[in-house]
Amino acid sequence: LLVSKRAPKAAYQSAALGEEISQRDMLKAL
């Protein structure tokens, strides 16, 4: 409900987690 499947991660999130995981999947894990 918070983010679309295609929403990009913020730069600091990409730097920490790389590009393999989407923002939605990152949030799903939290």
PDB file of all heavy atoms in Angstrom:
ATOM      1  N   LEU A   1       0.820  -1.216   0.000  1.00  0.00           N
ATOM      2  CA  LEU A   1       0.000   0.000   0.000  1.00  0.00           C
ATOM      3  C   LEU A   1       0.854   1.265   0.000  1.00  0.00           C
ATOM      4  O   LEU A   1       0.355   2.355  -0.260  1.00  0.00           O
ATOM      5  CB  LEU A   1      -0.914   0.028   1.235  1.00  0.00           C
ATOM      6  CG  LEU A   1      -1.920  -1.106   1.357  1.00  0.00           C
ATOM      7  CD1 LEU A   1      -2.677  -0.994   2.669  1.00  0.00           C
ATOM      8  CD2 LEU A   1      -2.874  -1.097   0.175  1.00  0.00           C
ATOM      9  N   LEU A   2       2.126   1.100   0.293  1.00  0.00           N
ATOM     10  CA  LEU A   2       3.005   2.252   0.477  1.00  0.00           C
ATOM     11  C   LEU A   2       3.810   2.619  -0.764  1.00  0.00           C
ATOM     12  O   LEU A   2       4.052   3.790  -1.031  1.00  0.00           O
ATOM     13  CB  LEU A   2       3.955   1.955   1.641  1.00  0.00           C
ATOM     14  CG  LEU A   2       4.713   3.098   2.258  1.00  0.00           C
ATOM     15  CD1 LEU A   2       3.776   4.166   2.791  1.00  0.00           C
ATOM     16  CD2 LEU A   2       5.597   2.578   3.382  1.00  0.00           C
ATOM     17  N   VAL A   3       4.193   1.623  -1.532  1.00  0.00           N
ATOM     18  CA  VAL A   3       5.102   1.882  -2.658  1.00  0.00           C
ATOM     19  C   VAL A   3       4.777   0.923  -3.811  1.00  0.00           C
ATOM     20  O   VAL A   3       4.379  -0.213  -3.579  1.00  0.00           O
ATOM     21  CB  VAL A   3       6.576   1.744  -2.195  1.00  0.00           C
ATOM     22  CG1 VAL A   3       6.911   0.331  -1.790  1.00  0.00           C
ATOM     23  CG2 VAL A   3       7.549   2.248  -3.224  1.00  0.00           C
ATOM     24  N   SER A   4       4.952   1.417  -5.032  1.00  0.00           N
ATOM     25  CA  SER A   4       4.706   0.561  -6.201  1.00  0.00           C
ATOM     26  C   SER A   4       5.889  -0.381  -6.416  1.00  0.00           C
ATOM     27  O   SER A   4       6.992  -0.155  -5.909  1.00  0.00           O
ATOM     28  CB  SER A   4       4.484   1.416  -7.451  1.00  0.00           C
ATOM     29  OG  SER A   4       5.712   1.902  -7.940  1.00  0.00           O
ATOM     30  N   LYS A   5       5.645  -1.417  -7.192  1.00  0.00           N
ATOM     31  CA  LYS A   5       6.700  -2.398  -7.477  1.00  0.00           C
ATOM     32  C   LYS A   5       7.861  -1.784  -8.246  1.00  0.00           C
ATOM     33  O   LYS A   5       8.973  -2.293  -8.217  1.00  0.00           O
ATOM     34  CB  LYS A   5       6.124  -3.576  -8.258  1.00  0.00           C
ATOM     35  CG  LYS A   5       5.176  -4.412  -7.454  1.00  0.00           C
ATOM     36  CD  LYS A   5       4.598  -5.535  -8.280  1.00  0.00           C
ATOM     37  CE  LYS A   5       3.614  -6.326  -7.438  1.00  0.00           C
ATOM     38  NZ  LYS A   5       2.991  -7.406  -8.175  1.00  0.00           N
ATOM     39  N   ARG A   6       7.594  -0.680  -8.938  1.00  0.00           N
ATOM     40  CA  ARG A   6       8.635  -0.056  -9.773  1.00  0.00           C
ATOM     41  C   ARG A   6       9.285   1.165  -9.129  1.00  0.00           C
ATOM     42  O   ARG A   6      10.128   1.812  -9.745  1.00  0.00           O
ATOM     43  CB  ARG A   6       8.047   0.327 -11.124  1.00  0.00           C
ATOM     44  CG  ARG A   6       7.704  -0.900 -11.967  1.00  0.00           C
ATOM     45  CD  ARG A   6       7.058  -0.506 -13.241  1.00  0.00           C
ATOM     46  NE  ARG A   6       5.682  -0.121 -12.861  1.00  0.00           N
ATOM     47  CZ  ARG A   6       4.811   0.433 -13.650  1.00  0.00           C
ATOM     48  NH1 ARG A   6       5.135   0.710 -14.875  1.00  0.00           N
ATOM     49  NH2 ARG A   6       3.604   0.723 -13.238  1.00  0.00           N
ATOM     50  N   ALA A   7       8.929   1.478  -7.893  1.00  0.00           N
ATOM     51  CA  ALA A   7       9.508   2.655  -7.237  1.00  0.00           C
ATOM     52  C   ALA A   7      11.003   2.446  -7.012  1.00  0.00           C
ATOM     53  O   ALA A   7      11.417   1.404  -6.498  1.00  0.00           O
ATOM     54  CB  ALA A   7       8.816   2.907  -5.901  1.00  0.00           C
ATOM     55  N   PRO A   8      11.808   3.423  -7.412  1.00  0.00           N
ATOM     56  CA  PRO A   8      13.256   3.289  -7.187  1.00  0.00           C
ATOM     57  C   PRO A   8      13.598   3.544  -5.718  1.00  0.00           C
ATOM     58  O   PRO A   8      12.871   4.215  -4.996  1.00  0.00           O
ATOM     59  CB  PRO A   8      13.851   4.386  -8.079  1.00  0.00           C
ATOM     60  CG  PRO A   8      12.770   5.410  -8.157  1.00  0.00           C
ATOM     61  CD  PRO A   8      11.468   4.665  -8.101  1.00  0.00           C
ATOM     62  N   LYS A   9      14.703   2.966  -5.291  1.00  0.00           N
ATOM     63  CA  LYS A   9      15.194   3.230  -3.944  1.00  0.00           C
ATOM     64  C   LYS A   9      15.899   4.587  -3.939  1.00  0.00           C
ATOM     65  O   LYS A   9      16.373   5.066  -4.969  1.00  0.00           O
ATOM     66  CB  LYS A   9      16.180   2.143  -3.512  1.00  0.00           C
ATOM     67  CG  LYS A   9      15.531   0.798  -3.270  1.00  0.00           C
ATOM     68  CD  LYS A   9      16.468  -0.181  -2.580  1.00  0.00           C
ATOM     69  CE  LYS A   9      17.711  -0.499  -3.318  1.00  0.00           C
ATOM     70  NZ  LYS A   9      17.653  -1.475  -4.365  1.00  0.00           N
ATOM     71  N   ALA A  10      15.984   5.175  -2.766  1.00  0.00           N
ATOM     72  CA  ALA A  10      16.762   6.400  -2.596  1.00  0.00           C
ATOM     73  C   ALA A  10      18.241   6.048  -2.762  1.00  0.00           C
ATOM     74  O   ALA A  10      18.637   4.881  -2.594  1.00  0.00           O
ATOM     75  CB  ALA A  10      16.512   6.990  -1.210  1.00  0.00           C
ATOM     76  N   ALA A  11      19.047   7.034  -3.068  1.00  0.00           N
ATOM     77  CA  ALA A  11      20.474   6.794  -3.306  1.00  0.00           C
ATOM     78  C   ALA A  11      21.146   6.107  -2.120  1.00  0.00           C
ATOM     79  O   ALA A  11      21.930   5.173  -2.298  1.00  0.00           O
ATOM     80  CB  ALA A  11      21.173   8.110  -3.636  1.00  0.00           C
ATOM     81  N   TYR A  12      20.828   6.540  -0.898  1.00  0.00           N
ATOM     82  CA  TYR A  12      21.465   5.927   0.272  1.00  0.00           C
ATOM     83  C   TYR A  12      21.028   4.473   0.442  1.00  0.00           C
ATOM     84  O   TYR A  12      21.801   3.632   0.911  1.00  0.00           O
ATOM     85  CB  TYR A  12      21.199   6.738   1.544  1.00  0.00           C
ATOM     86  CG  TYR A  12      19.805   6.595   2.121  1.00  0.00           C
ATOM     87  CD1 TYR A  12      19.515   5.622   3.077  1.00  0.00           C
ATOM     88  CD2 TYR A  12      18.768   7.440   1.713  1.00  0.00           C
ATOM     89  CE1 TYR A  12      18.242   5.491   3.595  1.00  0.00           C
ATOM     90  CE2 TYR A  12      17.494   7.316   2.231  1.00  0.00           C
ATOM     91  CZ  TYR A  12      17.236   6.335   3.185  1.00  0.00           C
ATOM     92  OH  TYR A  12      15.979   6.217   3.698  1.00  0.00           O
ATOM     93  N   GLN A  13      19.799   4.143   0.014  1.00  0.00           N
ATOM     94  CA  GLN A  13      19.333   2.765   0.089  1.00  0.00           C
ATOM     95  C   GLN A  13      20.055   1.905  -0.945  1.00  0.00           C
ATOM     96  O   GLN A  13      20.458   0.786  -0.649  1.00  0.00           O
ATOM     97  CB  GLN A  13      17.818   2.701  -0.132  1.00  0.00           C
ATOM     98  CG  GLN A  13      17.023   3.362   0.968  1.00  0.00           C
ATOM     99  CD  GLN A  13      15.565   3.570   0.604  1.00  0.00           C
ATOM    100  OE1 GLN A  13      15.219   3.731  -0.564  1.00  0.00           O
ATOM    101  NE2 GLN A  13      14.710   3.573   1.610  1.00  0.00           N
ATOM    102  N   SER A  14      20.224   2.438  -2.139  1.00  0.00           N
ATOM    103  CA  SER A  14      20.950   1.703  -3.185  1.00  0.00           C
ATOM    104  C   SER A  14      22.400   1.495  -2.793  1.00  0.00           C
ATOM    105  O   SER A  14      22.963   0.419  -3.021  1.00  0.00           O
ATOM    106  CB  SER A  14      20.874   2.455  -4.517  1.00  0.00           C
ATOM    107  OG  SER A  14      19.549   2.450  -5.002  1.00  0.00           O
ATOM    108  N   ALA A  15      22.992   2.513  -2.181  1.00  0.00           N
ATOM    109  CA  ALA A  15      24.384   2.390  -1.756  1.00  0.00           C
ATOM    110  C   ALA A  15      24.542   1.305  -0.692  1.00  0.00           C
ATOM    111  O   ALA A  15      25.523   0.564  -0.685  1.00  0.00           O
ATOM    112  CB  ALA A  15      24.899   3.731  -1.229  1.00  0.00           C
ATOM    113  N   ALA A  16      23.563   1.195   0.193  1.00  0.00           N
ATOM    114  CA  ALA A  16      23.644   0.215   1.268  1.00  0.00           C
ATOM    115  C   ALA A  16      23.257  -1.194   0.822  1.00  0.00           C
ATOM    116  O   ALA A  16      23.820  -2.172   1.302  1.00  0.00           O
ATOM    117  CB  ALA A  16      22.753   0.648   2.433  1.00  0.00           C
ATOM    118  N   LEU A  17      22.286  -1.294  -0.093  1.00  0.00           N
ATOM    119  CA  LEU A  17      21.725  -2.600  -0.436  1.00  0.00           C
ATOM    120  C   LEU A  17      21.973  -3.046  -1.861  1.00  0.00           C
ATOM    121  O   LEU A  17      21.630  -4.175  -2.215  1.00  0.00           O
ATOM    122  CB  LEU A  17      20.208  -2.586  -0.194  1.00  0.00           C
ATOM    123  CG  LEU A  17      19.766  -2.301   1.234  1.00  0.00           C
ATOM    124  CD1 LEU A  17      18.263  -2.126   1.294  1.00  0.00           C
ATOM    125  CD2 LEU A  17      20.221  -3.414   2.153  1.00  0.00           C
ATOM    126  N   GLY A  18      22.513  -2.167  -2.689  1.00  0.00           N
ATOM    127  CA  GLY A  18      22.699  -2.512  -4.096  1.00  0.00           C
ATOM    128  C   GLY A  18      21.393  -2.397  -4.856  1.00  0.00           C
ATOM    129  O   GLY A  18      20.377  -1.944  -4.328  1.00  0.00           O
ATOM    130  N   GLU A  19      21.415  -2.818  -6.094  1.00  0.00           N
ATOM    131  CA  GLU A  19      20.248  -2.684  -6.960  1.00  0.00           C
ATOM    132  C   GLU A  19      19.455  -3.984  -7.108  1.00  0.00           C
ATOM    133  O   GLU A  19      18.436  -4.010  -7.780  1.00  0.00           O
ATOM    134  CB  GLU A  19      20.699  -2.203  -8.351  1.00  0.00           C
ATOM    135  CG  GLU A  19      21.288  -0.801  -8.348  1.00  0.00           C
ATOM    136  CD  GLU A  19      20.300   0.258  -7.872  1.00  0.00           C
ATOM    137  OE1 GLU A  19      19.090   0.132  -8.135  1.00  0.00           O
ATOM    138  OE2 GLU A  19      20.749   1.210  -7.216  1.00  0.00           O
ATOM    139  N   GLU A  20      19.915  -5.064  -6.482  1.00  0.00           N
ATOM    140  CA  GLU A  20      19.265  -6.361  -6.676  1.00  0.00           C
ATOM    141  C   GLU A  20      17.856  -6.417  -6.095  1.00  0.00           C
ATOM    142  O   GLU A  20      16.996  -7.116  -6.600  1.00  0.00           O
ATOM    143  CB  GLU A  20      20.097  -7.484  -6.030  1.00  0.00           C
ATOM    144  CG  GLU A  20      21.496  -7.640  -6.590  1.00  0.00           C
ATOM    145  CD  GLU A  20      22.473  -6.628  -6.010  1.00  0.00           C
ATOM    146  OE1 GLU A  20      22.469  -6.401  -4.789  1.00  0.00           O
ATOM    147  OE2 GLU A  20      23.224  -6.045  -6.806  1.00  0.00           O
ATOM    148  N   ILE A  21      17.628  -5.683  -5.024  1.00  0.00           N
ATOM    149  CA  ILE A  21      16.338  -5.726  -4.339  1.00  0.00           C
ATOM    150  C   ILE A  21      15.583  -4.421  -4.604  1.00  0.00           C
ATOM    151  O   ILE A  21      16.170  -3.341  -4.575  1.00  0.00           O
ATOM    152  CB  ILE A  21      16.527  -5.966  -2.822  1.00  0.00           C
ATOM    153  CG1 ILE A  21      15.189  -6.125  -2.115  1.00  0.00           C
ATOM    154  CG2 ILE A  21      17.371  -4.905  -2.192  1.00  0.00           C
ATOM    155  CD1 ILE A  21      15.302  -6.571  -0.668  1.00  0.00           C
ATOM    156  N   SER A  22      14.301  -4.532  -4.874  1.00  0.00           N
ATOM    157  CA  SER A  22      13.492  -3.339  -5.142  1.00  0.00           C
ATOM    158  C   SER A  22      13.129  -2.639  -3.833  1.00  0.00           C
ATOM    159  O   SER A  22      13.245  -3.232  -2.749  1.00  0.00           O
ATOM    160  CB  SER A  22      12.200  -3.733  -5.876  1.00  0.00           C
ATOM    161  OG  SER A  22      11.338  -4.452  -4.996  1.00  0.00           O
ATOM    162  N   GLN A  23      12.691  -1.402  -3.929  1.00  0.00           N
ATOM    163  CA  GLN A  23      12.258  -0.673  -2.734  1.00  0.00           C
ATOM    164  C   GLN A  23      11.093  -1.406  -2.066  1.00  0.00           C
ATOM    165  O   GLN A  23      11.049  -1.562  -0.852  1.00  0.00           O
ATOM    166  CB  GLN A  23      11.845   0.761  -3.060  1.00  0.00           C
ATOM    167  CG  GLN A  23      11.250   1.450  -1.839  1.00  0.00           C
ATOM    168  CD  GLN A  23      11.588   2.899  -1.748  1.00  0.00           C
ATOM    169  OE1 GLN A  23      12.274   3.441  -2.585  1.00  0.00           O
ATOM    170  NE2 GLN A  23      11.113   3.522  -0.716  1.00  0.00           N
ATOM    171  N   ARG A  24      10.147  -1.881  -2.866  1.00  0.00           N
ATOM    172  CA  ARG A  24       8.999  -2.598  -2.317  1.00  0.00           C
ATOM    173  C   ARG A  24       9.453  -3.843  -1.562  1.00  0.00           C
ATOM    174  O   ARG A  24       9.014  -4.104  -0.451  1.00  0.00           O
ATOM    175  CB  ARG A  24       8.018  -2.980  -3.419  1.00  0.00           C
ATOM    176  CG  ARG A  24       6.751  -3.616  -2.889  1.00  0.00           C
ATOM    177  CD  ARG A  24       5.975  -4.288  -4.027  1.00  0.00           C
ATOM    178  NE  ARG A  24       5.236  -5.416  -3.530  1.00  0.00           N
ATOM    179  CZ  ARG A  24       5.733  -6.633  -3.313  1.00  0.00           C
ATOM    180  NH1 ARG A  24       6.982  -6.900  -3.529  1.00  0.00           N
ATOM    181  NH2 ARG A  24       4.970  -7.596  -2.865  1.00  0.00           N
ATOM    182  N   ASP A  25      10.362  -4.608  -2.150  1.00  0.00           N
ATOM    183  CA  ASP A  25      10.843  -5.825  -1.492  1.00  0.00           C
ATOM    184  C   ASP A  25      11.657  -5.493  -0.246  1.00  0.00           C
ATOM    185  O   ASP A  25      11.609  -6.223   0.755  1.00  0.00           O
ATOM    186  CB  ASP A  25      11.655  -6.676  -2.455  1.00  0.00           C
ATOM    187  CG  ASP A  25      10.786  -7.320  -3.532  1.00  0.00           C
ATOM    188  OD1 ASP A  25       9.553  -7.389  -3.344  1.00  0.00           O
ATOM    189  OD2 ASP A  25      11.338  -7.731  -4.571  1.00  0.00           O
ATOM    190  N   MET A  26      12.399  -4.398  -0.292  1.00  0.00           N
ATOM    191  CA  MET A  26      13.151  -3.953   0.882  1.00  0.00           C
ATOM    192  C   MET A  26      12.183  -3.659   2.028  1.00  0.00           C
ATOM    193  O   MET A  26      12.372  -4.100   3.157  1.00  0.00           O
ATOM    194  CB  MET A  26      13.971  -2.702   0.551  1.00  0.00           C
ATOM    195  CG  MET A  26      14.709  -2.112   1.735  1.00  0.00           C
ATOM    196  SD  MET A  26      15.368  -0.464   1.405  1.00  0.00           S
ATOM    197  CE  MET A  26      13.859   0.503   1.324  1.00  0.00           C
ATOM    198  N   LEU A  27      11.105  -2.910   1.722  1.00  0.00           N
ATOM    199  CA  LEU A  27      10.117  -2.577   2.745  1.00  0.00           C
ATOM    200  C   LEU A  27       9.353  -3.813   3.203  1.00  0.00           C
ATOM    201  O   LEU A  27       9.031  -3.942   4.394  1.00  0.00           O
ATOM    202  CB  LEU A  27       9.159  -1.511   2.224  1.00  0.00           C
ATOM    203  CG  LEU A  27       9.759  -0.126   2.034  1.00  0.00           C
ATOM    204  CD1 LEU A  27       8.762   0.806   1.363  1.00  0.00           C
ATOM    205  CD2 LEU A  27      10.228   0.449   3.365  1.00  0.00           C
ATOM    206  N   LYS A  28       9.063  -4.710   2.284  1.00  0.00           N
ATOM    207  CA  LYS A  28       8.349  -5.941   2.635  1.00  0.00           C
ATOM    208  C   LYS A  28       9.128  -6.723   3.696  1.00  0.00           C
ATOM    209  O   LYS A  28       8.541  -7.296   4.612  1.00  0.00           O
ATOM    210  CB  LYS A  28       8.152  -6.782   1.370  1.00  0.00           C
ATOM    211  CG  LYS A  28       7.140  -7.849   1.515  1.00  0.00           C
ATOM    212  CD  LYS A  28       5.766  -7.259   1.334  1.00  0.00           C
ATOM    213  CE  LYS A  28       4.739  -8.355   1.245  1.00  0.00           C
ATOM    214  NZ  LYS A  28       3.459  -7.937   1.775  1.00  0.00           N
ATOM    215  N   ALA A  29      10.455  -6.717   3.584  1.00  0.00           N
ATOM    216  CA  ALA A  29      11.299  -7.432   4.550  1.00  0.00           C
ATOM    217  C   ALA A  29      11.287  -6.770   5.930  1.00  0.00           C
ATOM    218  O   ALA A  29      11.640  -7.403   6.924  1.00  0.00           O
ATOM    219  CB  ALA A  29      12.729  -7.522   4.019  1.00  0.00           C
ATOM    220  N   LEU A  30      10.884  -5.499   5.989  1.00  0.00           N
ATOM    221  CA  LEU A  30      10.843  -4.755   7.255  1.00  0.00           C
ATOM    222  C   LEU A  30       9.448  -4.714   7.863  1.00  0.00           C
ATOM    223  O   LEU A  30       9.250  -4.176   8.954  1.00  0.00           O
ATOM    224  CB  LEU A  30      11.332  -3.315   7.023  1.00  0.00           C
ATOM    225  CG  LEU A  30      12.765  -3.181   6.528  1.00  0.00           C
ATOM    226  CD1 LEU A  30      13.050  -1.738   6.150  1.00  0.00           C
ATOM    227  CD2 LEU A  30      13.747  -3.686   7.559  1.00  0.00           C
TER     228      LEU A  30
END
